[in-house]
């Protein structure tokens, strides 16, 4: 502890009067007690009372201060030092964006950790990989995006400074003096929640193992607010969305053969599935202009996505059927029934249908369906240990297309049956909707196109015979409820009317 004498220019009376502002007790290291007295502050220098926000923050902390604000978050910038001018200047040098971004960076990083720890069993191998640091760089990238957000609506509300003395009650001549400067920033809760959720949702590739976790965190922040600043959530936190792992006989994750399937193999597998679909449907050839129109929409979406190029490209075909349905196969094949096209009421709604199917392709949901069926059976039925058989198949998929075709021959038919009769897993459908919203916004379409078509599907499918989509998707009402959160992340200018004449010309 530094020994100082009392400043000559400060009388005992001033010290006693200033001490009445705040008097706090603390424990120094080693168990020796110290007293803290506030000598002066901005109020004594300017003859103004100490603001309520300062008293609350200093005595009770930021949580108590936040409770006093209704529709706004408050963030405190705090700097300390022995030089008054430098401390105040340093505190003033940070913008609201920097302060809020730094606060969010810490809180979101903690949220990732808490999410993994709280869902360790559900996350399985992914949770262990995250805990071991495999995904740390991706987590850092997502968290760092928050520092660069503009945080529109943020304001610098007020500032304050204090000079406090910590001294030995047994020897008041032994003390240390320290200046502390505070700056109060506020931002509307709804704005911060929306901007934070948008930044997180945009920071992660749909191919990342952290995609589901990051999207769930973004949705939680949008609904429940920023951790440690928001009050207890009135609605349940969004669940972590995870797709079931492939398990061996001992219920332990096995090596994913999906990782070894090349783009060429995926394309040819998709062709096989497409051929099987066309055994039950006929290509609609009466409207080549409409087919061209749908493919142009598809091209506009994928060129603005994280996977603008795949082997042999993306292709949309229309099926001559009154059913209301759509299918996406591996390798870029999209099939949309005439009945579903007819149901759409705008180009943005049709783009939403296409974006949903593109999301299935880019997240490789069809290939994952194979992984959970025939690959698992082949591994478990093969000779040697499970690991040896998994390695054998993985090597085959990477080196020999004929071997891969033999392994997956029956799987193609099985996948076709799943697509036409059962559809993807419900979690995959919801994830495709979330991703479709991002794809639409990136391409300049209104994300509202997805809720628009879902409402139309909900209305149409209440009466037969248009109930086909129910067999392969969650209900439109379920999807609409889930996707509204993602749609609200975006507030683009509504330009749907500019495309309406072009859409009407195709009807």
Protein backbone atom coordinates (compact mmCIF):
# COMPACT_ATOMS: atom_id res chain seq x y z
CA UNK A 1 0.00 0.00 0.00
CA UNK A 2 1.41 3.38 -1.06
CA UNK A 3 1.90 5.87 1.76
CA UNK A 4 0.81 9.41 1.00
CA UNK A 5 0.10 12.52 3.03
CA UNK A 6 -3.08 14.49 2.76
CA UNK A 7 -3.03 17.04 -0.11
CA UNK A 8 -2.25 20.55 1.18
CA UNK A 9 -4.97 22.20 -0.90
CA UNK A 10 -7.80 20.11 0.56
CA UNK A 11 -9.09 21.03 3.98
CA UNK A 12 -10.33 18.46 6.53
CA UNK A 13 -13.80 19.98 6.23
CA UNK A 14 -13.99 19.25 2.49
CA UNK A 15 -12.80 15.69 3.10
CA UNK A 16 -15.46 15.12 5.75
CA UNK A 17 -18.22 16.64 3.57
CA UNK A 18 -17.23 14.60 0.52
CA UNK A 19 -17.03 11.44 2.57
CA UNK A 20 -20.76 11.71 3.18
CA UNK A 21 -21.39 11.00 -0.54
CA UNK A 22 -20.28 7.37 -0.40
CA UNK A 23 -18.63 5.34 2.31
CA UNK A 24 -17.85 1.74 1.45
CA UNK A 25 -15.98 -1.01 3.27
CA UNK A 26 -13.75 -3.60 1.63
CA UNK A 27 -11.17 -6.25 2.53
CA UNK A 28 -7.64 -5.96 1.35
CA UNK A 29 -5.47 -8.98 0.59
CA UNK A 30 -4.11 -10.72 3.61
CA UNK A 31 -7.30 -10.09 5.56
CA UNK A 32 -6.43 -6.52 6.58
CA UNK A 33 -9.45 -4.23 6.29
CA UNK A 34 -9.50 -0.94 4.40
CA UNK A 35 -12.04 1.85 4.23
CA UNK A 36 -13.11 3.60 1.04
CA UNK A 37 -14.21 7.21 1.04
CA UNK A 38 -15.23 9.33 -1.91
CA UNK A 39 -13.33 12.61 -1.74
CA UNK A 40 -14.88 14.42 -4.67
CA UNK A 41 -16.79 13.80 -7.87
CA UNK A 42 -18.24 15.58 -10.88
CA UNK A 43 -21.14 16.76 -8.74
CA UNK A 44 -19.02 18.47 -6.08
CA UNK A 45 -16.98 20.12 -8.82
CA UNK A 46 -20.08 21.41 -10.66
CA UNK A 47 -22.41 21.81 -7.66
CA UNK A 48 -24.94 19.24 -8.92
CA UNK A 49 -26.36 16.19 -7.09
CA UNK A 50 -25.14 12.67 -7.79
CA UNK A 51 -27.42 11.06 -10.43
CA UNK A 52 -29.55 8.10 -9.38
CA UNK A 53 -27.96 5.87 -12.03
CA UNK A 54 -24.52 6.41 -10.51
CA UNK A 55 -25.70 5.64 -6.98
CA UNK A 56 -27.45 2.46 -8.12
CA UNK A 57 -24.53 1.24 -10.20
CA UNK A 58 -21.86 1.92 -7.58
CA UNK A 59 -23.77 0.44 -4.67
CA UNK A 60 -25.78 -2.38 -6.30
CA UNK A 61 -24.24 -3.14 -9.69
CA UNK A 62 -25.40 -3.18 -13.30
CA UNK A 63 -28.18 -5.73 -12.72
CA UNK A 64 -29.93 -3.38 -10.29
CA UNK A 65 -29.42 -0.48 -12.67
CA UNK A 66 -30.86 -2.46 -15.56
CA UNK A 67 -34.00 -3.16 -13.53
CA UNK A 68 -34.75 0.58 -13.58
CA UNK A 69 -34.88 0.67 -17.37
CA UNK A 70 -38.06 -0.55 -19.08
CA UNK A 71 -37.51 -0.80 -22.82
CA UNK A 72 -33.78 -0.12 -22.96
CA UNK A 73 -30.58 -1.90 -22.08
CA UNK A 74 -27.96 0.08 -20.21
CA UNK A 75 -24.22 -0.48 -20.58
CA UNK A 76 -21.59 1.16 -18.39
CA UNK A 77 -18.14 2.04 -19.59
CA UNK A 78 -15.78 2.24 -16.63
CA UNK A 79 -12.11 3.31 -16.50
CA UNK A 80 -9.83 3.94 -13.50
CA UNK A 81 -6.41 5.46 -12.86
CA UNK A 82 -4.44 8.01 -10.86
CA UNK A 83 -4.55 10.79 -13.48
CA UNK A 84 -7.94 12.49 -13.70
CA UNK A 85 -7.56 13.94 -17.18
CA UNK A 86 -6.28 10.70 -18.68
CA UNK A 87 -9.02 8.60 -17.05
CA UNK A 88 -11.81 10.86 -18.29
CA UNK A 89 -10.30 11.14 -21.78
CA UNK A 90 -9.84 7.37 -22.00
CA UNK A 91 -13.43 6.70 -20.93
CA UNK A 92 -14.69 9.19 -23.52
CA UNK A 93 -12.58 7.67 -26.32
CA UNK A 94 -14.86 4.63 -26.67
CA UNK A 95 -18.01 4.79 -28.74
CA UNK A 96 -21.34 3.21 -27.86
CA UNK A 97 -20.67 0.65 -30.59
CA UNK A 98 -17.36 -0.36 -29.03
CA UNK A 99 -18.73 -0.60 -25.49
CA UNK A 100 -21.81 -2.59 -26.48
CA UNK A 101 -19.82 -4.81 -28.82
CA UNK A 102 -17.28 -5.64 -26.12
CA UNK A 103 -20.04 -6.44 -23.63
CA UNK A 104 -21.81 -8.68 -26.12
CA UNK A 105 -18.61 -10.43 -27.12
CA UNK A 106 -18.06 -11.54 -23.53
CA UNK A 107 -21.67 -12.54 -22.95
CA UNK A 108 -22.10 -14.47 -26.19
CA UNK A 109 -18.83 -16.34 -25.68
CA UNK A 110 -20.16 -17.36 -22.26
CA UNK A 111 -23.44 -18.40 -23.88
CA UNK A 112 -21.62 -20.77 -26.23
CA UNK A 113 -19.88 -22.35 -23.25
CA UNK A 114 -23.09 -22.62 -21.25
CA UNK A 115 -24.93 -24.08 -24.23
CA UNK A 116 -22.37 -26.81 -24.72
CA UNK A 117 -22.17 -27.61 -21.01
CA UNK A 118 -25.94 -27.62 -20.60
CA UNK A 119 -26.53 -29.78 -23.65
CA UNK A 120 -23.48 -32.04 -23.48
CA UNK A 121 -25.49 -35.25 -23.64
CA UNK A 122 -27.65 -34.10 -26.54
CA UNK A 123 -24.71 -32.72 -28.50
CA UNK A 124 -22.69 -35.90 -28.06
CA UNK A 125 -19.56 -35.96 -30.20
CA UNK A 126 -20.11 -32.37 -31.33
CA UNK A 127 -20.18 -31.21 -27.72
CA UNK A 128 -16.91 -33.02 -27.01
CA UNK A 129 -15.31 -31.49 -30.09
CA UNK A 130 -16.41 -28.00 -29.07
CA UNK A 131 -15.20 -28.55 -25.52
CA UNK A 132 -11.82 -29.74 -26.82
CA UNK A 133 -11.38 -26.56 -28.85
CA UNK A 134 -11.96 -28.00 -32.33
CA UNK A 135 -14.47 -25.26 -33.13
CA UNK A 136 -12.87 -22.46 -31.13
CA UNK A 137 -11.85 -20.49 -34.21
CA UNK A 138 -15.40 -20.61 -35.56
CA UNK A 139 -16.78 -19.54 -32.18
CA UNK A 140 -14.29 -16.66 -32.11
CA UNK A 141 -15.33 -15.63 -35.63
CA UNK A 142 -19.00 -15.59 -34.68
CA UNK A 143 -18.36 -13.68 -31.48
CA UNK A 144 -16.08 -11.18 -33.21
CA UNK A 145 -18.81 -10.20 -35.68
CA UNK A 146 -20.60 -8.51 -32.80
CA UNK A 147 -17.82 -5.96 -32.39
CA UNK A 148 -18.44 -4.69 -35.93
CA UNK A 149 -22.21 -4.21 -35.65
CA UNK A 150 -23.34 -0.59 -35.95
CA UNK A 151 -25.89 -0.99 -33.10
CA UNK A 152 -28.25 1.62 -34.46
CA UNK A 153 -30.29 3.26 -31.73
CA UNK A 154 -27.42 3.25 -29.21
CA UNK A 155 -26.87 6.53 -27.35
CA UNK A 156 -24.35 7.99 -24.96
CA UNK A 157 -26.61 9.15 -22.15
CA UNK A 158 -24.39 10.59 -19.42
CA UNK A 159 -20.99 10.49 -17.74
CA UNK A 160 -19.60 10.83 -14.23
CA UNK A 161 -16.31 10.68 -12.42
CA UNK A 162 -15.24 10.16 -8.82
CA UNK A 163 -12.10 10.35 -6.72
CA UNK A 164 -12.00 7.68 -4.01
CA UNK A 165 -9.50 7.07 -1.24
CA UNK A 166 -8.77 3.64 0.19
CA UNK A 167 -7.06 3.90 3.54
CA UNK A 168 -6.04 1.87 6.58
CA UNK A 169 -8.57 2.64 9.36
CA UNK A 170 -5.80 2.10 11.92
CA UNK A 171 -3.47 4.53 10.15
CA UNK A 172 -5.35 7.03 7.94
CA UNK A 173 -2.05 8.42 6.71
CA UNK A 174 -1.60 5.24 4.66
CA UNK A 175 -3.88 5.45 1.62
CA UNK A 176 -4.24 5.26 -2.16
CA UNK A 177 -6.28 7.63 -4.34
CA UNK A 178 -7.93 6.59 -7.61
CA UNK A 179 -10.10 8.35 -10.16
CA UNK A 180 -12.88 6.37 -11.85
CA UNK A 181 -14.86 7.59 -14.84
CA UNK A 182 -18.25 6.14 -15.87
CA UNK A 183 -20.15 6.55 -19.12
CA UNK A 184 -23.76 5.38 -19.46
CA UNK A 185 -24.95 4.07 -22.83
CA UNK A 186 -28.47 2.94 -23.67
CA UNK A 187 -30.05 1.13 -26.61
CA UNK A 188 -33.65 -0.04 -27.16
CA UNK A 189 -33.96 -3.68 -26.14
CA UNK A 190 -35.79 -4.75 -29.29
CA UNK A 191 -33.11 -3.16 -31.49
CA UNK A 192 -30.18 -4.72 -29.66
CA UNK A 193 -31.87 -8.14 -29.61
CA UNK A 194 -32.61 -7.97 -33.33
CA UNK A 195 -29.17 -6.71 -34.37
CA UNK A 196 -27.36 -9.23 -32.16
CA UNK A 197 -29.45 -12.13 -33.45
CA UNK A 198 -28.95 -11.06 -37.06
CA UNK A 199 -25.17 -10.76 -36.64
CA UNK A 200 -24.95 -14.23 -35.09
CA UNK A 201 -27.20 -15.87 -37.65
CA UNK A 202 -25.16 -14.33 -40.48
CA UNK A 203 -21.80 -15.27 -38.99
CA UNK A 204 -21.91 -19.04 -39.42
CA UNK A 205 -21.88 -21.19 -42.54
CA UNK A 206 -24.66 -23.72 -42.88
CA UNK A 207 -21.94 -26.34 -43.33
CA UNK A 208 -20.50 -25.63 -39.90
CA UNK A 209 -20.96 -28.01 -37.03
CA UNK A 210 -21.91 -24.94 -35.01
CA UNK A 211 -24.74 -23.94 -37.35
CA UNK A 212 -27.61 -25.33 -35.26
CA UNK A 213 -26.16 -24.05 -31.99
CA UNK A 214 -25.54 -20.56 -33.38
CA UNK A 215 -29.00 -20.27 -34.92
CA UNK A 216 -30.54 -21.43 -31.63
CA UNK A 217 -28.53 -18.82 -29.72
CA UNK A 218 -29.62 -16.15 -32.19
CA UNK A 219 -33.27 -17.12 -31.77
CA UNK A 220 -32.92 -17.16 -27.98
CA UNK A 221 -31.43 -13.66 -27.98
CA UNK A 222 -34.17 -12.40 -30.27
CA UNK A 223 -36.90 -13.85 -28.05
CA UNK A 224 -35.41 -13.60 -24.57
CA UNK A 225 -32.84 -10.82 -24.81
CA UNK A 226 -29.14 -10.48 -24.19
CA UNK A 227 -27.76 -12.72 -21.42
CA UNK A 228 -27.06 -11.05 -18.08
CA UNK A 229 -28.88 -7.89 -19.11
CA UNK A 230 -32.37 -9.17 -19.81
CA UNK A 231 -34.75 -10.19 -17.02
CA UNK A 232 -35.82 -13.81 -16.70
CA UNK A 233 -37.37 -14.95 -19.96
CA UNK A 234 -41.13 -15.14 -20.06
CA UNK A 235 -40.97 -17.67 -22.89
CA UNK A 236 -38.95 -20.89 -22.85
CA UNK A 237 -35.48 -20.65 -24.34
CA UNK A 238 -35.24 -22.00 -27.87
CA UNK A 239 -34.11 -25.62 -27.81
CA UNK A 240 -30.81 -26.65 -29.28
CA UNK A 241 -31.64 -28.09 -32.68
CA UNK A 242 -29.52 -31.12 -33.38
CA UNK A 243 -29.93 -33.86 -35.91
CA UNK A 244 -29.60 -37.42 -34.60
CA UNK A 245 -26.08 -38.88 -34.80
CA UNK A 246 -25.32 -42.14 -36.51
CA UNK A 247 -24.86 -44.80 -33.83
CA UNK A 248 -23.24 -48.19 -33.85
CA UNK A 249 -24.43 -51.22 -31.88
CA UNK A 250 -22.97 -49.78 -28.69
CA UNK A 251 -24.82 -46.47 -29.19
CA UNK A 252 -21.58 -44.60 -29.81
CA UNK A 253 -21.13 -42.21 -32.78
CA UNK A 254 -19.40 -43.84 -35.74
CA UNK A 255 -17.37 -42.31 -38.56
CA UNK A 256 -19.59 -40.47 -41.01
CA UNK A 257 -19.18 -41.90 -44.49
CA UNK A 258 -21.00 -38.78 -45.66
CA UNK A 259 -17.79 -36.82 -45.15
CA UNK A 260 -16.11 -38.97 -47.79
CA UNK A 261 -18.77 -38.68 -50.49
CA UNK A 262 -17.36 -36.51 -53.25
CA UNK A 263 -19.44 -33.87 -55.08
CA UNK A 264 -19.40 -36.06 -58.20
CA UNK A 265 -20.69 -39.06 -56.28
CA UNK A 266 -23.36 -36.95 -54.65
CA UNK A 267 -24.49 -35.70 -58.05
CA UNK A 268 -24.80 -39.18 -59.53
CA UNK A 269 -26.59 -40.38 -56.45
CA UNK A 270 -29.00 -37.48 -56.86
CA UNK A 271 -29.59 -38.45 -60.47
CA UNK A 272 -30.54 -41.94 -59.38
CA UNK A 273 -32.98 -40.56 -56.84
CA UNK A 274 -34.36 -38.12 -59.42
CA UNK A 275 -34.92 -40.93 -61.89
CA UNK A 276 -36.82 -42.85 -59.23
CA UNK A 277 -39.01 -39.81 -58.51
CA UNK A 278 -39.78 -39.45 -62.22
CA UNK A 279 -40.99 -43.03 -62.25
CA UNK A 280 -43.97 -41.72 -60.27
CA UNK A 281 -44.29 -38.23 -61.77
CA UNK A 282 -44.17 -36.69 -65.24
CA UNK A 283 -42.15 -33.62 -66.15
CA UNK A 284 -44.39 -30.68 -67.00
CA UNK A 285 -43.40 -29.66 -70.54
CA UNK A 286 -46.32 -27.36 -71.37
CA UNK A 287 -44.67 -24.27 -69.83
CA UNK A 288 -40.96 -24.03 -70.72
CA UNK A 289 -41.10 -20.29 -69.94
CA UNK A 290 -42.17 -21.05 -66.38
CA UNK A 291 -39.37 -23.62 -66.02
CA UNK A 292 -36.87 -21.00 -67.21
CA UNK A 293 -38.35 -18.48 -64.79
CA UNK A 294 -37.99 -20.85 -61.83
CA UNK A 295 -34.39 -21.63 -62.77
CA UNK A 296 -33.54 -17.93 -62.97
CA UNK A 297 -34.92 -17.46 -59.46
CA UNK A 298 -32.85 -20.44 -58.33
CA UNK A 299 -29.71 -18.95 -59.91
CA UNK A 300 -30.29 -15.60 -58.18
CA UNK A 301 -30.58 -17.34 -54.81
CA UNK A 302 -27.59 -19.68 -55.07
CA UNK A 303 -25.22 -17.03 -56.45
CA UNK A 304 -25.72 -15.13 -53.18
CA UNK A 305 -25.38 -18.21 -50.98
CA UNK A 306 -22.39 -19.83 -49.31
CA UNK A 307 -22.43 -22.58 -51.97
CA UNK A 308 -22.93 -20.83 -55.31
CA UNK A 309 -21.29 -23.68 -57.22
CA UNK A 310 -21.76 -27.42 -56.96
CA UNK A 311 -20.91 -30.23 -59.32
CA UNK A 312 -23.03 -29.74 -62.48
CA UNK A 313 -25.01 -26.90 -60.87
CA UNK A 314 -28.53 -26.50 -59.52
CA UNK A 315 -31.56 -27.41 -61.64
CA UNK A 316 -35.29 -26.87 -61.14
CA UNK A 317 -37.83 -29.09 -62.87
CA UNK A 318 -41.62 -28.82 -62.67
CA UNK A 319 -43.76 -31.91 -62.17
CA UNK A 320 -47.14 -32.27 -63.90
CA UNK A 321 -49.18 -32.94 -60.78
CA UNK A 322 -51.95 -31.22 -58.84
CA UNK A 323 -50.25 -32.26 -55.63
CA UNK A 324 -48.73 -29.52 -53.51
CA UNK A 325 -45.20 -30.72 -52.91
CA UNK A 326 -41.52 -30.24 -53.64
CA UNK A 327 -38.44 -32.46 -53.44
CA UNK A 328 -34.69 -31.83 -53.31
CA UNK A 329 -32.20 -34.57 -54.09
CA UNK A 330 -28.43 -34.69 -53.59
CA UNK A 331 -26.33 -32.83 -56.09
CA UNK A 332 -28.67 -29.95 -56.91
CA UNK A 333 -31.91 -31.42 -58.27
CA UNK A 334 -35.12 -29.60 -57.31
CA UNK A 335 -38.60 -30.83 -58.25
CA UNK A 336 -41.69 -28.65 -57.71
CA UNK A 337 -45.21 -29.79 -58.53
CA UNK A 338 -47.49 -27.71 -60.73
CA UNK A 339 -49.94 -27.61 -57.86
CA UNK A 340 -47.42 -25.90 -55.57
CA UNK A 341 -46.41 -23.38 -58.25
CA UNK A 342 -50.07 -22.53 -58.78
CA UNK A 343 -50.50 -21.98 -55.05
CA UNK A 344 -47.83 -19.27 -54.91
CA UNK A 345 -49.13 -15.70 -55.13
CA UNK A 346 -45.89 -13.82 -55.75
CA UNK A 347 -42.35 -14.27 -57.02
CA UNK A 348 -41.09 -13.98 -53.46
CA UNK A 349 -43.34 -16.85 -52.38
CA UNK A 350 -42.08 -19.01 -55.24
CA UNK A 351 -38.51 -17.98 -54.36
CA UNK A 352 -39.20 -19.10 -50.78
CA UNK A 353 -40.21 -22.57 -52.02
CA UNK A 354 -37.03 -22.80 -54.08
CA UNK A 355 -34.85 -21.42 -51.27
CA UNK A 356 -36.23 -24.05 -48.88
CA UNK A 357 -35.22 -26.84 -51.27
CA UNK A 358 -31.81 -25.23 -51.91
CA UNK A 359 -31.27 -25.25 -48.15
CA UNK A 360 -31.93 -29.01 -48.05
CA UNK A 361 -29.31 -29.50 -50.78
CA UNK A 362 -26.69 -27.23 -49.25
CA UNK A 363 -27.09 -28.83 -45.82
CA UNK A 364 -26.92 -32.28 -47.47
CA UNK A 365 -30.06 -33.56 -45.78
CA UNK A 366 -30.59 -36.27 -48.38
CA UNK A 367 -27.11 -37.64 -47.90
CA UNK A 368 -27.57 -37.60 -44.15
CA UNK A 369 -30.70 -39.69 -44.66
CA UNK A 370 -28.56 -42.29 -46.41
CA UNK A 371 -26.06 -42.16 -43.59
CA UNK A 372 -28.73 -43.05 -41.08
CA UNK A 373 -30.05 -45.98 -43.11
CA UNK A 374 -28.00 -48.20 -45.42
CA UNK A 375 -24.53 -47.10 -44.29
CA UNK A 376 -25.35 -47.96 -40.69
CA UNK A 377 -26.68 -51.35 -41.73
CA UNK A 378 -23.69 -52.05 -43.96
CA UNK A 379 -21.25 -51.22 -41.20
CA UNK A 380 -23.01 -53.31 -38.60
CA UNK A 381 -23.50 -56.26 -40.93
CA UNK A 382 -19.95 -56.28 -42.26
CA UNK A 383 -17.08 -58.48 -41.21
CA UNK A 384 -14.52 -57.26 -38.72
CA UNK A 385 -15.02 -54.59 -36.09
CA UNK A 386 -17.37 -51.65 -36.56
CA UNK A 387 -14.42 -49.29 -36.89
CA UNK A 388 -12.73 -51.46 -39.53
CA UNK A 389 -15.89 -51.65 -41.60
CA UNK A 390 -16.46 -47.91 -41.28
CA UNK A 391 -12.93 -47.25 -42.52
CA UNK A 392 -13.43 -49.68 -45.40
CA UNK A 393 -16.56 -47.87 -46.59
CA UNK A 394 -15.02 -44.44 -46.09
CA UNK A 395 -12.05 -45.44 -48.21
CA UNK A 396 -14.33 -46.87 -50.84
CA UNK A 397 -16.38 -43.72 -51.11
CA UNK A 398 -13.29 -41.65 -51.61
CA UNK A 399 -11.55 -43.86 -54.16
CA UNK A 400 -13.94 -46.00 -56.12
CA UNK A 401 -17.21 -44.72 -57.58
CA UNK A 402 -18.32 -48.22 -58.57
CA UNK A 403 -17.92 -49.44 -55.02
CA UNK A 404 -19.88 -46.45 -53.75
CA UNK A 405 -22.63 -47.09 -56.31
CA UNK A 406 -22.87 -50.71 -55.17
CA UNK A 407 -23.10 -49.72 -51.52
CA UNK A 408 -25.71 -47.04 -52.12
CA UNK A 409 -27.77 -48.70 -54.84
CA UNK A 410 -30.54 -49.78 -52.51
CA UNK A 411 -30.15 -46.61 -50.47
CA UNK A 412 -31.19 -44.49 -53.48
CA UNK A 413 -34.53 -46.26 -53.66
CA UNK A 414 -34.94 -46.03 -49.92
CA UNK A 415 -34.19 -42.30 -50.01
CA UNK A 416 -36.73 -41.79 -52.80
CA UNK A 417 -39.38 -43.47 -50.72
CA UNK A 418 -38.46 -41.27 -47.76
CA UNK A 419 -38.64 -38.08 -49.83
CA UNK A 420 -41.96 -38.88 -51.46
CA UNK A 421 -43.74 -40.61 -48.59
CA UNK A 422 -42.14 -39.49 -45.35
CA UNK A 423 -40.02 -36.41 -46.03
CA UNK A 424 -37.02 -35.25 -44.07
CA UNK A 425 -36.77 -35.30 -40.31
CA UNK A 426 -38.84 -32.53 -38.77
CA UNK A 427 -35.76 -30.76 -37.44
CA UNK A 428 -34.33 -30.74 -40.97
CA UNK A 429 -37.48 -29.11 -42.30
CA UNK A 430 -37.34 -26.39 -39.68
CA UNK A 431 -33.62 -25.84 -40.31
CA UNK A 432 -34.30 -25.58 -44.05
CA UNK A 433 -36.87 -22.87 -43.31
CA UNK A 434 -34.43 -20.92 -41.14
CA UNK A 435 -31.77 -21.13 -43.82
CA UNK A 436 -34.23 -20.24 -46.58
CA UNK A 437 -34.93 -16.94 -44.83
CA UNK A 438 -31.23 -16.11 -44.89
CA UNK A 439 -30.94 -17.12 -48.55
CA UNK A 440 -33.92 -14.97 -49.52
CA UNK A 441 -32.57 -11.89 -47.75
CA UNK A 442 -29.10 -12.33 -49.27
CA UNK A 443 -30.59 -12.51 -52.76
CA UNK A 444 -32.72 -9.40 -52.29
CA UNK A 445 -36.02 -11.20 -51.90
CA UNK A 446 -38.36 -10.45 -49.02
CA UNK A 447 -38.02 -13.08 -46.27
CA UNK A 448 -41.75 -12.51 -45.80
CA UNK A 449 -42.22 -14.65 -48.89
CA UNK A 450 -41.86 -17.77 -46.76
CA UNK A 451 -44.61 -16.88 -44.25
CA UNK A 452 -46.75 -15.85 -47.23
CA UNK A 453 -46.57 -19.27 -48.87
CA UNK A 454 -46.95 -21.06 -45.55
CA UNK A 455 -50.17 -19.16 -44.85
CA UNK A 456 -51.43 -20.06 -48.30
CA UNK A 457 -50.53 -23.71 -47.75
CA UNK A 458 -52.32 -23.64 -44.41
CA UNK A 459 -55.45 -22.30 -46.09
CA UNK A 460 -55.28 -24.62 -49.10
CA UNK A 461 -54.50 -27.84 -47.29
CA UNK A 462 -57.50 -27.65 -45.01
CA UNK A 463 -59.57 -29.14 -47.82
CA UNK A 464 -58.77 -32.31 -49.79
CA UNK A 465 -57.28 -33.34 -52.11
CA UNK A 466 -54.44 -30.88 -51.49
CA UNK A 467 -53.01 -32.55 -48.40
CA UNK A 468 -49.91 -34.11 -49.96
CA UNK A 469 -47.40 -31.79 -48.31
CA UNK A 470 -48.65 -32.89 -44.89
CA UNK A 471 -47.10 -36.28 -45.52
CA UNK A 472 -43.61 -34.91 -46.00
CA UNK A 473 -43.44 -31.73 -43.91
CA UNK A 474 -44.47 -30.39 -40.51
CA UNK A 475 -47.80 -28.60 -40.74
CA UNK A 476 -47.75 -25.10 -42.23
CA UNK A 477 -48.93 -23.73 -38.88
CA UNK A 478 -45.97 -25.32 -37.08
CA UNK A 479 -43.53 -24.03 -39.68
CA UNK A 480 -45.09 -20.57 -39.67
CA UNK A 481 -44.81 -20.32 -35.90
CA UNK A 482 -41.17 -21.42 -35.96
CA UNK A 483 -40.00 -19.29 -38.88
CA UNK A 484 -41.50 -15.99 -37.71
CA UNK A 485 -38.54 -15.58 -35.37
CA UNK A 486 -36.04 -15.82 -38.23
CA UNK A 487 -38.07 -13.53 -40.48
CA UNK A 488 -38.14 -10.83 -37.81
CA UNK A 489 -34.33 -10.71 -37.88
CA UNK A 490 -34.58 -8.90 -41.21
CA UNK A 491 -36.19 -5.57 -41.94
CA UNK A 492 -35.44 -4.93 -45.60
CA UNK A 493 -37.36 -2.53 -47.78
CA UNK A 494 -40.41 -4.34 -49.15
CA UNK A 495 -39.84 -4.55 -52.91
CA UNK A 496 -42.30 -7.34 -53.70
CA UNK A 497 -44.56 -5.07 -55.74
CA UNK A 498 -41.77 -4.41 -58.25
CA UNK A 499 -41.68 -8.09 -59.17
CA UNK A 500 -45.41 -8.68 -59.26
CA UNK A 501 -45.93 -7.82 -62.93
CA UNK A 502 -43.14 -10.22 -63.89
CA UNK A 503 -44.71 -12.96 -61.80
CA UNK A 504 -48.22 -12.29 -63.11
CA UNK A 505 -46.93 -12.65 -66.69
CA UNK A 506 -45.94 -16.24 -65.97
CA UNK A 507 -49.36 -17.30 -64.67
